[in-house]
Amino acid sequence: EVTYLGTVYGTMAALKRMRERNRGTIVQVGSALAYRAIPLQSAYCGAK
């Protein structure tokens, strides 16, 4: 909820305003673990 849905909620809040003006930038801070999952961090990797 924090790592994945927090990003979704932040993106939605930004988009709601940026679409009205047709401008803006959203940066998602990801990780190499968004492509290559590693053991002992399944929750974090799954969210990324």
ModelCIF file with pLDDT and N, C-alpha, C, O atoms, coordinates in Angstrom:
data_MODEL
#
_entry.id   MODEL 
#
_entity.id                         1 
_entity.type                       polymer 
_entity.pdbx_number_of_molecules   1 
#
_entity_poly.entity_id                      1 
_entity_poly.type                           'polypeptide(L)' 
_entity_poly.nstd_linkage                   no 
_entity_poly.nstd_monomer                   no 
_entity_poly.pdbx_seq_one_letter_code       EVTYLGTVYGTMAALKRMRERNRGTIVQVGSALAYRAIPLQSAYCGAK 
_entity_poly.pdbx_seq_one_letter_code_can   EVTYLGTVYGTMAALKRMRERNRGTIVQVGSALAYRAIPLQSAYCGAK 
_entity_poly.pdbx_strand_id                 A 
#
loop_
_entity_poly_seq.entity_id 
_entity_poly_seq.num 
_entity_poly_seq.mon_id 
_entity_poly_seq.hetero 
1 1  GLU n 
1 2  VAL n 
1 3  THR n 
1 4  TYR n 
1 5  LEU n 
1 6  GLY n 
1 7  THR n 
1 8  VAL n 
1 9  TYR n 
1 10 GLY n 
1 11 THR n 
1 12 MET n 
1 13 ALA n 
1 14 ALA n 
1 15 LEU n 
1 16 LYS n 
1 17 ARG n 
1 18 MET n 
1 19 ARG n 
1 20 GLU n 
1 21 ARG n 
1 22 ASN n 
1 23 ARG n 
1 24 GLY n 
1 25 THR n 
1 26 ILE n 
1 27 VAL n 
1 28 GLN n 
1 29 VAL n 
1 30 GLY n 
1 31 SER n 
1 32 ALA n 
1 33 LEU n 
1 34 ALA n 
1 35 TYR n 
1 36 ARG n 
1 37 ALA n 
1 38 ILE n 
1 39 PRO n 
1 40 LEU n 
1 41 GLN n 
1 42 SER n 
1 43 ALA n 
1 44 TYR n 
1 45 CYS n 
1 46 GLY n 
1 47 ALA n 
1 48 LYS n 
#
_struct_asym.id          A 
_struct_asym.entity_id   1 
#
loop_
_ma_qa_metric.id 
_ma_qa_metric.mode 
_ma_qa_metric.name 
_ma_qa_metric.software_group_id 
_ma_qa_metric.type 
1 global pLDDT . pLDDT 
2 local  pLDDT . pLDDT 
#
_ma_qa_metric_global.metric_id      1 
_ma_qa_metric_global.metric_value   97.79 
_ma_qa_metric_global.model_id       1 
_ma_qa_metric_global.ordinal_id     1 
#
loop_
_ma_qa_metric_local.label_asym_id 
_ma_qa_metric_local.label_comp_id 
_ma_qa_metric_local.label_seq_id 
_ma_qa_metric_local.metric_id 
_ma_qa_metric_local.metric_value 
_ma_qa_metric_local.model_id 
_ma_qa_metric_local.ordinal_id 
A GLU 1  2 98.00 1 1  
A VAL 2  2 98.00 1 2  
A THR 3  2 98.00 1 3  
A TYR 4  2 98.00 1 4  
A LEU 5  2 98.00 1 5  
A GLY 6  2 98.00 1 6  
A THR 7  2 98.00 1 7  
A VAL 8  2 98.00 1 8  
A TYR 9  2 98.00 1 9  
A GLY 10 2 98.00 1 10 
A THR 11 2 98.00 1 11 
A MET 12 2 98.00 1 12 
A ALA 13 2 98.00 1 13 
A ALA 14 2 98.00 1 14 
A LEU 15 2 98.00 1 15 
A LYS 16 2 98.00 1 16 
A ARG 17 2 98.00 1 17 
A MET 18 2 98.00 1 18 
A ARG 19 2 98.00 1 19 
A GLU 20 2 97.00 1 20 
A ARG 21 2 97.00 1 21 
A ASN 22 2 98.00 1 22 
A ARG 23 2 98.00 1 23 
A GLY 24 2 98.00 1 24 
A THR 25 2 98.00 1 25 
A ILE 26 2 98.00 1 26 
A VAL 27 2 98.00 1 27 
A GLN 28 2 98.00 1 28 
A VAL 29 2 98.00 1 29 
A GLY 30 2 98.00 1 30 
A SER 31 2 97.00 1 31 
A ALA 32 2 97.00 1 32 
A LEU 33 2 97.00 1 33 
A ALA 34 2 98.00 1 34 
A TYR 35 2 97.00 1 35 
A ARG 36 2 97.00 1 36 
A ALA 37 2 97.00 1 37 
A ILE 38 2 97.00 1 38 
A PRO 39 2 98.00 1 39 
A LEU 40 2 98.00 1 40 
A GLN 41 2 97.00 1 41 
A SER 42 2 98.00 1 42 
A ALA 43 2 98.00 1 43 
A TYR 44 2 98.00 1 44 
A CYS 45 2 98.00 1 45 
A GLY 46 2 98.00 1 46 
A ALA 47 2 98.00 1 47 
A LYS 48 2 98.00 1 48 
#
loop_
_atom_site.group_PDB 
_atom_site.id 
_atom_site.type_symbol 
_atom_site.label_atom_id 
_atom_site.label_alt_id 
_atom_site.label_comp_id 
_atom_site.label_asym_id 
_atom_site.label_entity_id 
_atom_site.label_seq_id 
_atom_site.pdbx_PDB_ins_code 
_atom_site.Cartn_x 
_atom_site.Cartn_y 
_atom_site.Cartn_z 
_atom_site.occupancy 
_atom_site.B_iso_or_equiv 
_atom_site.pdbx_formal_charge 
_atom_site.auth_seq_id 
_atom_site.auth_comp_id 
_atom_site.auth_asym_id 
_atom_site.auth_atom_id 
_atom_site.pdbx_PDB_model_num 
ATOM 1   N N  . GLU A 1 1  ? 0.824  -1.214  0.000   1.00 98.00 ? 1  GLU A N  1 
ATOM 2   C CA . GLU A 1 1  ? 0.000  0.000   0.000   1.00 98.00 ? 1  GLU A CA 1 
ATOM 3   C C  . GLU A 1 1  ? 0.856  1.260   0.000   1.00 98.00 ? 1  GLU A C  1 
ATOM 4   O O  . GLU A 1 1  ? 0.534  2.230   -0.686  1.00 98.00 ? 1  GLU A O  1 
ATOM 5   N N  . VAL A 1 2  ? 1.943  1.251   0.765   1.00 98.00 ? 2  VAL A N  1 
ATOM 6   C CA . VAL A 1 2  ? 2.805  2.435   0.819   1.00 98.00 ? 2  VAL A CA 1 
ATOM 7   C C  . VAL A 1 2  ? 3.597  2.593   -0.475  1.00 98.00 ? 2  VAL A C  1 
ATOM 8   O O  . VAL A 1 2  ? 3.585  3.661   -1.087  1.00 98.00 ? 2  VAL A O  1 
ATOM 9   N N  . THR A 1 3  ? 4.281  1.537   -0.888  1.00 98.00 ? 3  THR A N  1 
ATOM 10  C CA . THR A 1 3  ? 5.207  1.646   -2.010  1.00 98.00 ? 3  THR A CA 1 
ATOM 11  C C  . THR A 1 3  ? 4.496  1.712   -3.352  1.00 98.00 ? 3  THR A C  1 
ATOM 12  O O  . THR A 1 3  ? 4.805  2.575   -4.173  1.00 98.00 ? 3  THR A O  1 
ATOM 13  N N  . TYR A 1 4  ? 3.546  0.808   -3.585  1.00 98.00 ? 4  TYR A N  1 
ATOM 14  C CA . TYR A 1 4  ? 2.852  0.793   -4.875  1.00 98.00 ? 4  TYR A CA 1 
ATOM 15  C C  . TYR A 1 4  ? 1.658  1.745   -4.908  1.00 98.00 ? 4  TYR A C  1 
ATOM 16  O O  . TYR A 1 4  ? 1.612  2.664   -5.725  1.00 98.00 ? 4  TYR A O  1 
ATOM 17  N N  . LEU A 1 5  ? 0.683  1.517   -4.005  1.00 98.00 ? 5  LEU A N  1 
ATOM 18  C CA . LEU A 1 5  ? -0.514 2.355   -4.052  1.00 98.00 ? 5  LEU A CA 1 
ATOM 19  C C  . LEU A 1 5  ? -0.203 3.807   -3.712  1.00 98.00 ? 5  LEU A C  1 
ATOM 20  O O  . LEU A 1 5  ? -0.874 4.710   -4.211  1.00 98.00 ? 5  LEU A O  1 
ATOM 21  N N  . GLY A 1 6  ? 0.792  4.049   -2.880  1.00 98.00 ? 6  GLY A N  1 
ATOM 22  C CA . GLY A 1 6  ? 1.191  5.426   -2.606  1.00 98.00 ? 6  GLY A CA 1 
ATOM 23  C C  . GLY A 1 6  ? 1.638  6.133   -3.872  1.00 98.00 ? 6  GLY A C  1 
ATOM 24  O O  . GLY A 1 6  ? 1.355  7.316   -4.066  1.00 98.00 ? 6  GLY A O  1 
ATOM 25  N N  . THR A 1 7  ? 2.339  5.403   -4.735  1.00 98.00 ? 7  THR A N  1 
ATOM 26  C CA . THR A 1 7  ? 2.756  5.960   -6.025  1.00 98.00 ? 7  THR A CA 1 
ATOM 27  C C  . THR A 1 7  ? 1.549  6.193   -6.927  1.00 98.00 ? 7  THR A C  1 
ATOM 28  O O  . THR A 1 7  ? 1.464  7.218   -7.603  1.00 98.00 ? 7  THR A O  1 
ATOM 29  N N  . VAL A 1 8  ? 0.622  5.248   -6.937  1.00 98.00 ? 8  VAL A N  1 
ATOM 30  C CA . VAL A 1 8  ? -0.588 5.401   -7.745  1.00 98.00 ? 8  VAL A CA 1 
ATOM 31  C C  . VAL A 1 8  ? -1.391 6.612   -7.284  1.00 98.00 ? 8  VAL A C  1 
ATOM 32  O O  . VAL A 1 8  ? -1.835 7.411   -8.109  1.00 98.00 ? 8  VAL A O  1 
ATOM 33  N N  . TYR A 1 9  ? -1.580 6.753   -5.978  1.00 98.00 ? 9  TYR A N  1 
ATOM 34  C CA . TYR A 1 9  ? -2.375 7.871   -5.460  1.00 98.00 ? 9  TYR A CA 1 
ATOM 35  C C  . TYR A 1 9  ? -1.698 9.211   -5.753  1.00 98.00 ? 9  TYR A C  1 
ATOM 36  O O  . TYR A 1 9  ? -2.369 10.182  -6.105  1.00 98.00 ? 9  TYR A O  1 
ATOM 37  N N  . GLY A 1 10 ? -0.384 9.265   -5.609  1.00 98.00 ? 10 GLY A N  1 
ATOM 38  C CA . GLY A 1 10 ? 0.336  10.488  -5.921  1.00 98.00 ? 10 GLY A CA 1 
ATOM 39  C C  . GLY A 1 10 ? 0.219  10.850  -7.390  1.00 98.00 ? 10 GLY A C  1 
ATOM 40  O O  . GLY A 1 10 ? 0.031  12.015  -7.740  1.00 98.00 ? 10 GLY A O  1 
ATOM 41  N N  . THR A 1 11 ? 0.331  9.849   -8.241  1.00 98.00 ? 11 THR A N  1 
ATOM 42  C CA . THR A 1 11 ? 0.206  10.073  -9.682  1.00 98.00 ? 11 THR A CA 1 
ATOM 43  C C  . THR A 1 11 ? -1.181 10.572  -10.038 1.00 98.00 ? 11 THR A C  1 
ATOM 44  O O  . THR A 1 11 ? -1.322 11.494  -10.841 1.00 98.00 ? 11 THR A O  1 
ATOM 45  N N  . MET A 1 12 ? -2.196 9.978   -9.455  1.00 98.00 ? 12 MET A N  1 
ATOM 46  C CA . MET A 1 12 ? -3.572 10.388  -9.743  1.00 98.00 ? 12 MET A CA 1 
ATOM 47  C C  . MET A 1 12 ? -3.839 11.827  -9.294  1.00 98.00 ? 12 MET A C  1 
ATOM 48  O O  . MET A 1 12 ? -4.507 12.587  -9.994  1.00 98.00 ? 12 MET A O  1 
ATOM 49  N N  . ALA A 1 13 ? -3.314 12.194  -8.122  1.00 98.00 ? 13 ALA A N  1 
ATOM 50  C CA . ALA A 1 13 ? -3.502 13.554  -7.629  1.00 98.00 ? 13 ALA A CA 1 
ATOM 51  C C  . ALA A 1 13 ? -2.800 14.560  -8.540  1.00 98.00 ? 13 ALA A C  1 
ATOM 52  O O  . ALA A 1 13 ? -3.331 15.636  -8.815  1.00 98.00 ? 13 ALA A O  1 
ATOM 53  N N  . ALA A 1 14 ? -1.611 14.204  -9.002  1.00 98.00 ? 14 ALA A N  1 
ATOM 54  C CA . ALA A 1 14 ? -0.879 15.094  -9.910  1.00 98.00 ? 14 ALA A CA 1 
ATOM 55  C C  . ALA A 1 14 ? -1.594 15.204  -11.252 1.00 98.00 ? 14 ALA A C  1 
ATOM 56  O O  . ALA A 1 14 ? -1.749 16.301  -11.788 1.00 98.00 ? 14 ALA A O  1 
ATOM 57  N N  . LEU A 1 15 ? -2.023 14.079  -11.787 1.00 98.00 ? 15 LEU A N  1 
ATOM 58  C CA . LEU A 1 15 ? -2.689 14.076  -13.093 1.00 98.00 ? 15 LEU A CA 1 
ATOM 59  C C  . LEU A 1 15 ? -3.968 14.898  -13.092 1.00 98.00 ? 15 LEU A C  1 
ATOM 60  O O  . LEU A 1 15 ? -4.270 15.587  -14.066 1.00 98.00 ? 15 LEU A O  1 
ATOM 61  N N  . LYS A 1 16 ? -4.709 14.828  -12.015 1.00 98.00 ? 16 LYS A N  1 
ATOM 62  C CA . LYS A 1 16 ? -5.973 15.567  -11.928 1.00 98.00 ? 16 LYS A CA 1 
ATOM 63  C C  . LYS A 1 16 ? -5.761 17.045  -12.217 1.00 98.00 ? 16 LYS A C  1 
ATOM 64  O O  . LYS A 1 16 ? -6.609 17.697  -12.827 1.00 98.00 ? 16 LYS A O  1 
ATOM 65  N N  . ARG A 1 17 ? -4.624 17.568  -11.772 1.00 98.00 ? 17 ARG A N  1 
ATOM 66  C CA . ARG A 1 17 ? -4.333 18.983  -11.959 1.00 98.00 ? 17 ARG A CA 1 
ATOM 67  C C  . ARG A 1 17 ? -3.554 19.245  -13.251 1.00 98.00 ? 17 ARG A C  1 
ATOM 68  O O  . ARG A 1 17 ? -3.797 20.241  -13.932 1.00 98.00 ? 17 ARG A O  1 
ATOM 69  N N  . MET A 1 18 ? -2.639 18.372  -13.580 1.00 98.00 ? 18 MET A N  1 
ATOM 70  C CA . MET A 1 18 ? -1.828 18.573  -14.779 1.00 98.00 ? 18 MET A CA 1 
ATOM 71  C C  . MET A 1 18 ? -2.645 18.451  -16.058 1.00 98.00 ? 18 MET A C  1 
ATOM 72  O O  . MET A 1 18 ? -2.363 19.144  -17.035 1.00 98.00 ? 18 MET A O  1 
ATOM 73  N N  . ARG A 1 19 ? -3.650 17.582  -16.068 1.00 98.00 ? 19 ARG A N  1 
ATOM 74  C CA . ARG A 1 19 ? -4.475 17.427  -17.265 1.00 98.00 ? 19 ARG A CA 1 
ATOM 75  C C  . ARG A 1 19 ? -5.268 18.702  -17.564 1.00 98.00 ? 19 ARG A C  1 
ATOM 76  O O  . ARG A 1 19 ? -5.519 19.019  -18.727 1.00 98.00 ? 19 ARG A O  1 
ATOM 77  N N  . GLU A 1 20 ? -5.656 19.420  -16.533 1.00 97.00 ? 20 GLU A N  1 
ATOM 78  C CA . GLU A 1 20 ? -6.391 20.674  -16.740 1.00 97.00 ? 20 GLU A CA 1 
ATOM 79  C C  . GLU A 1 20 ? -5.536 21.704  -17.468 1.00 97.00 ? 20 GLU A C  1 
ATOM 80  O O  . GLU A 1 20 ? -6.049 22.527  -18.226 1.00 97.00 ? 20 GLU A O  1 
ATOM 81  N N  . ARG A 1 21 ? -4.214 21.650  -17.228 1.00 97.00 ? 21 ARG A N  1 
ATOM 82  C CA . ARG A 1 21 ? -3.302 22.638  -17.825 1.00 97.00 ? 21 ARG A CA 1 
ATOM 83  C C  . ARG A 1 21 ? -2.537 22.071  -19.017 1.00 97.00 ? 21 ARG A C  1 
ATOM 84  O O  . ARG A 1 21 ? -1.875 22.803  -19.754 1.00 97.00 ? 21 ARG A O  1 
ATOM 85  N N  . ASN A 1 22 ? -2.641 20.739  -19.194 1.00 98.00 ? 22 ASN A N  1 
ATOM 86  C CA . ASN A 1 22 ? -1.923 20.030  -20.255 1.00 98.00 ? 22 ASN A CA 1 
ATOM 87  C C  . ASN A 1 22 ? -0.413 20.248  -20.164 1.00 98.00 ? 22 ASN A C  1 
ATOM 88  O O  . ASN A 1 22 ? 0.250  20.504  -21.168 1.00 98.00 ? 22 ASN A O  1 
ATOM 89  N N  . ARG A 1 23 ? 0.108  20.144  -18.968 1.00 98.00 ? 23 ARG A N  1 
ATOM 90  C CA . ARG A 1 23 ? 1.557  20.237  -18.779 1.00 98.00 ? 23 ARG A CA 1 
ATOM 91  C C  . ARG A 1 23 ? 1.918  19.669  -17.411 1.00 98.00 ? 23 ARG A C  1 
ATOM 92  O O  . ARG A 1 23 ? 1.073  19.559  -16.523 1.00 98.00 ? 23 ARG A O  1 
ATOM 93  N N  . GLY A 1 24 ? 3.182  19.314  -17.263 1.00 98.00 ? 24 GLY A N  1 
ATOM 94  C CA . GLY A 1 24 ? 3.674  18.794  -16.000 1.00 98.00 ? 24 GLY A CA 1 
ATOM 95  C C  . GLY A 1 24 ? 4.483  17.524  -16.192 1.00 98.00 ? 24 GLY A C  1 
ATOM 96  O O  . GLY A 1 24 ? 4.423  16.884  -17.242 1.00 98.00 ? 24 GLY A O  1 
ATOM 97  N N  . THR A 1 25 ? 5.236  17.170  -15.168 1.00 98.00 ? 25 THR A N  1 
ATOM 98  C CA . THR A 1 25 ? 6.092  15.979  -15.209 1.00 98.00 ? 25 THR A CA 1 
ATOM 99  C C  . THR A 1 25 ? 5.908  15.168  -13.938 1.00 98.00 ? 25 THR A C  1 
ATOM 100 O O  . THR A 1 25 ? 5.878  15.715  -12.836 1.00 98.00 ? 25 THR A O  1 
ATOM 101 N N  . ILE A 1 26 ? 5.787  13.869  -14.103 1.00 98.00 ? 26 ILE A N  1 
ATOM 102 C CA . ILE A 1 26 ? 5.694  12.944  -12.972 1.00 98.00 ? 26 ILE A CA 1 
ATOM 103 C C  . ILE A 1 26 ? 6.902  12.014  -13.024 1.00 98.00 ? 26 ILE A C  1 
ATOM 104 O O  . ILE A 1 26 ? 7.156  11.378  -14.048 1.00 98.00 ? 26 ILE A O  1 
ATOM 105 N N  . VAL A 1 27 ? 7.636  11.936  -11.937 1.00 98.00 ? 27 VAL A N  1 
ATOM 106 C CA . VAL A 1 27 ? 8.824  11.081  -11.850 1.00 98.00 ? 27 VAL A CA 1 
ATOM 107 C C  . VAL A 1 27 ? 8.555  9.968   -10.851 1.00 98.00 ? 27 VAL A C  1 
ATOM 108 O O  . VAL A 1 27 ? 8.311  10.224  -9.671  1.00 98.00 ? 27 VAL A O  1 
ATOM 109 N N  . GLN A 1 28 ? 8.603  8.734   -11.329 1.00 98.00 ? 28 GLN A N  1 
ATOM 110 C CA . GLN A 1 28 ? 8.469  7.581   -10.451 1.00 98.00 ? 28 GLN A CA 1 
ATOM 111 C C  . GLN A 1 28 ? 9.874  7.085   -10.081 1.00 98.00 ? 28 GLN A C  1 
ATOM 112 O O  . GLN A 1 28 ? 10.660 6.727   -10.958 1.00 98.00 ? 28 GLN A O  1 
ATOM 113 N N  . VAL A 1 29 ? 10.174 7.068   -8.806  1.00 98.00 ? 29 VAL A N  1 
ATOM 114 C CA . VAL A 1 29 ? 11.483 6.577   -8.365  1.00 98.00 ? 29 VAL A CA 1 
ATOM 115 C C  . VAL A 1 29 ? 11.396 5.062   -8.252  1.00 98.00 ? 29 VAL A C  1 
ATOM 116 O O  . VAL A 1 29 ? 10.748 4.518   -7.358  1.00 98.00 ? 29 VAL A O  1 
ATOM 117 N N  . GLY A 1 30 ? 12.064 4.407   -9.180  1.00 98.00 ? 30 GLY A N  1 
ATOM 118 C CA . GLY A 1 30 ? 12.035 2.951   -9.228  1.00 98.00 ? 30 GLY A CA 1 
ATOM 119 C C  . GLY A 1 30 ? 13.357 2.350   -8.798  1.00 98.00 ? 30 GLY A C  1 
ATOM 120 O O  . GLY A 1 30 ? 14.081 2.919   -7.981  1.00 98.00 ? 30 GLY A O  1 
ATOM 121 N N  . SER A 1 31 ? 13.657 1.206   -9.352  1.00 97.00 ? 31 SER A N  1 
ATOM 122 C CA . SER A 1 31 ? 14.835 0.459   -8.930  1.00 97.00 ? 31 SER A CA 1 
ATOM 123 C C  . SER A 1 31 ? 15.158 -0.585  -9.987  1.00 97.00 ? 31 SER A C  1 
ATOM 124 O O  . SER A 1 31 ? 14.291 -1.001  -10.756 1.00 97.00 ? 31 SER A O  1 
ATOM 125 N N  . ALA A 1 32 ? 16.402 -0.997  -10.013 1.00 97.00 ? 32 ALA A N  1 
ATOM 126 C CA . ALA A 1 32 ? 16.753 -2.143  -10.848 1.00 97.00 ? 32 ALA A CA 1 
ATOM 127 C C  . ALA A 1 32 ? 15.908 -3.349  -10.456 1.00 97.00 ? 32 ALA A C  1 
ATOM 128 O O  . ALA A 1 32 ? 15.713 -4.263  -11.258 1.00 97.00 ? 32 ALA A O  1 
ATOM 129 N N  . LEU A 1 33 ? 15.402 -3.353  -9.211  1.00 97.00 ? 33 LEU A N  1 
ATOM 130 C CA . LEU A 1 33 ? 14.575 -4.454  -8.720  1.00 97.00 ? 33 LEU A CA 1 
ATOM 131 C C  . LEU A 1 33 ? 13.178 -4.430  -9.329  1.00 97.00 ? 33 LEU A C  1 
ATOM 132 O O  . LEU A 1 33 ? 12.375 -5.328  -9.075  1.00 97.00 ? 33 LEU A O  1 
ATOM 133 N N  . ALA A 1 34 ? 12.881 -3.406  -10.135 1.00 98.00 ? 34 ALA A N  1 
ATOM 134 C CA . ALA A 1 34 ? 11.632 -3.404  -10.906 1.00 98.00 ? 34 ALA A CA 1 
ATOM 135 C C  . ALA A 1 34 ? 11.756 -4.306  -12.126 1.00 98.00 ? 34 ALA A C  1 
ATOM 136 O O  . ALA A 1 34 ? 10.758 -4.601  -12.784 1.00 98.00 ? 34 ALA A O  1 
ATOM 137 N N  . TYR A 1 35 ? 12.963 -4.743  -12.431 1.00 97.00 ? 35 TYR A N  1 
ATOM 138 C CA . TYR A 1 35 ? 13.222 -5.660  -13.541 1.00 97.00 ? 35 TYR A CA 1 
ATOM 139 C C  . TYR A 1 35 ? 13.790 -6.992  -13.050 1.00 97.00 ? 35 TYR A C  1 
ATOM 140 O O  . TYR A 1 35 ? 13.435 -8.048  -13.574 1.00 97.00 ? 35 TYR A O  1 
ATOM 141 N N  . ARG A 1 36 ? 14.662 -6.948  -12.054 1.00 97.00 ? 36 ARG A N  1 
ATOM 142 C CA . ARG A 1 36 ? 15.316 -8.155  -11.542 1.00 97.00 ? 36 ARG A CA 1 
ATOM 143 C C  . ARG A 1 36 ? 15.028 -8.275  -10.053 1.00 97.00 ? 36 ARG A C  1 
ATOM 144 O O  . ARG A 1 36 ? 15.677 -7.618  -9.239  1.00 97.00 ? 36 ARG A O  1 
ATOM 145 N N  . ALA A 1 37 ? 14.059 -9.110  -9.693  1.00 97.00 ? 37 ALA A N  1 
ATOM 146 C CA . ALA A 1 37 ? 13.719 -9.305  -8.286  1.00 97.00 ? 37 ALA A CA 1 
ATOM 147 C C  . ALA A 1 37 ? 14.814 -10.104 -7.588  1.00 97.00 ? 37 ALA A C  1 
ATOM 148 O O  . ALA A 1 37 ? 15.505 -10.914 -8.207  1.00 97.00 ? 37 ALA A O  1 
ATOM 149 N N  . ILE A 1 38 ? 14.959 -9.860  -6.287  1.00 97.00 ? 38 ILE A N  1 
ATOM 150 C CA . ILE A 1 38 ? 15.957 -10.568 -5.512  1.00 97.00 ? 38 ILE A CA 1 
ATOM 151 C C  . ILE A 1 38 ? 15.298 -11.186 -4.272  1.00 97.00 ? 38 ILE A C  1 
ATOM 152 O O  . ILE A 1 38 ? 14.243 -10.722 -3.840  1.00 97.00 ? 38 ILE A O  1 
ATOM 153 N N  . PRO A 1 39 ? 15.905 -12.216 -3.703  1.00 98.00 ? 39 PRO A N  1 
ATOM 154 C CA . PRO A 1 39 ? 15.332 -12.833 -2.501  1.00 98.00 ? 39 PRO A CA 1 
ATOM 155 C C  . PRO A 1 39 ? 15.381 -11.881 -1.315  1.00 98.00 ? 39 PRO A C  1 
ATOM 156 O O  . PRO A 1 39 ? 16.178 -10.943 -1.290  1.00 98.00 ? 39 PRO A O  1 
ATOM 157 N N  . LEU A 1 40 ? 14.533 -12.130 -0.349  1.00 98.00 ? 40 LEU A N  1 
ATOM 158 C CA . LEU A 1 40 ? 14.455 -11.402 0.919   1.00 98.00 ? 40 LEU A CA 1 
ATOM 159 C C  . LEU A 1 40 ? 13.844 -10.008 0.784   1.00 98.00 ? 40 LEU A C  1 
ATOM 160 O O  . LEU A 1 40 ? 13.734 -9.289  1.777   1.00 98.00 ? 40 LEU A O  1 
ATOM 161 N N  . GLN A 1 41 ? 13.443 -9.612  -0.433  1.00 97.00 ? 41 GLN A N  1 
ATOM 162 C CA . GLN A 1 41 ? 12.779 -8.324  -0.635  1.00 97.00 ? 41 GLN A CA 1 
ATOM 163 C C  . GLN A 1 41 ? 11.569 -8.482  -1.559  1.00 97.00 ? 41 GLN A C  1 
ATOM 164 O O  . GLN A 1 41 ? 11.344 -7.653  -2.442  1.00 97.00 ? 41 GLN A O  1 
ATOM 165 N N  . SER A 1 42 ? 10.811 -9.523  -1.358  1.00 98.00 ? 42 SER A N  1 
ATOM 166 C CA . SER A 1 42 ? 9.688  -9.823  -2.255  1.00 98.00 ? 42 SER A CA 1 
ATOM 167 C C  . SER A 1 42 ? 8.635  -8.713  -2.265  1.00 98.00 ? 42 SER A C  1 
ATOM 168 O O  . SER A 1 42 ? 8.111  -8.373  -3.325  1.00 98.00 ? 42 SER A O  1 
ATOM 169 N N  . ALA A 1 43 ? 8.322  -8.147  -1.106  1.00 98.00 ? 43 ALA A N  1 
ATOM 170 C CA . ALA A 1 43 ? 7.289  -7.103  -1.044  1.00 98.00 ? 43 ALA A CA 1 
ATOM 171 C C  . ALA A 1 43 ? 7.734  -5.860  -1.806  1.00 98.00 ? 43 ALA A C  1 
ATOM 172 O O  . ALA A 1 43 ? 6.958  -5.280  -2.565  1.00 98.00 ? 43 ALA A O  1 
ATOM 173 N N  . TYR A 1 44 ? 8.968  -5.459  -1.604  1.00 98.00 ? 44 TYR A N  1 
ATOM 174 C CA . TYR A 1 44 ? 9.501  -4.272  -2.280  1.00 98.00 ? 44 TYR A CA 1 
ATOM 175 C C  . TYR A 1 44 ? 9.620  -4.511  -3.788  1.00 98.00 ? 44 TYR A C  1 
ATOM 176 O O  . TYR A 1 44 ? 9.222  -3.665  -4.588  1.00 98.00 ? 44 TYR A O  1 
ATOM 177 N N  . CYS A 1 45 ? 10.165 -5.656  -4.164  1.00 98.00 ? 45 CYS A N  1 
ATOM 178 C CA . CYS A 1 45 ? 10.316 -5.967  -5.592  1.00 98.00 ? 45 CYS A CA 1 
ATOM 179 C C  . CYS A 1 45 ? 8.960  -6.030  -6.283  1.00 98.00 ? 45 CYS A C  1 
ATOM 180 O O  . CYS A 1 45 ? 8.789  -5.488  -7.376  1.00 98.00 ? 45 CYS A O  1 
ATOM 181 N N  . GLY A 1 46 ? 8.000  -6.690  -5.646  1.00 98.00 ? 46 GLY A N  1 
ATOM 182 C CA . GLY A 1 46 ? 6.669  -6.786  -6.239  1.00 98.00 ? 46 GLY A CA 1 
ATOM 183 C C  . GLY A 1 46 ? 6.053  -5.417  -6.461  1.00 98.00 ? 46 GLY A C  1 
ATOM 184 O O  . GLY A 1 46 ? 5.416  -5.176  -7.486  1.00 98.00 ? 46 GLY A O  1 
ATOM 185 N N  . ALA A 1 47 ? 6.244  -4.514  -5.496  1.00 98.00 ? 47 ALA A N  1 
ATOM 186 C CA . ALA A 1 47 ? 5.697  -3.164  -5.626  1.00 98.00 ? 47 ALA A CA 1 
ATOM 187 C C  . ALA A 1 47 ? 6.375  -2.396  -6.750  1.00 98.00 ? 47 ALA A C  1 
ATOM 188 O O  . ALA A 1 47 ? 5.712  -1.681  -7.502  1.00 98.00 ? 47 ALA A O  1 
ATOM 189 N N  . LYS A 1 48 ? 7.690  -2.537  -6.872  1.00 98.00 ? 48 LYS A N  1 
ATOM 190 C CA . LYS A 1 48 ? 8.413  -1.822  -7.933  1.00 98.00 ? 48 LYS A CA 1 
ATOM 191 C C  . LYS A 1 48 ? 8.054  -2.373  -9.316  1.00 98.00 ? 48 LYS A C  1 
ATOM 192 O O  . LYS A 1 48 ? 8.567  -1.890  -10.325 1.00 98.00 ? 48 LYS A O  1 
#
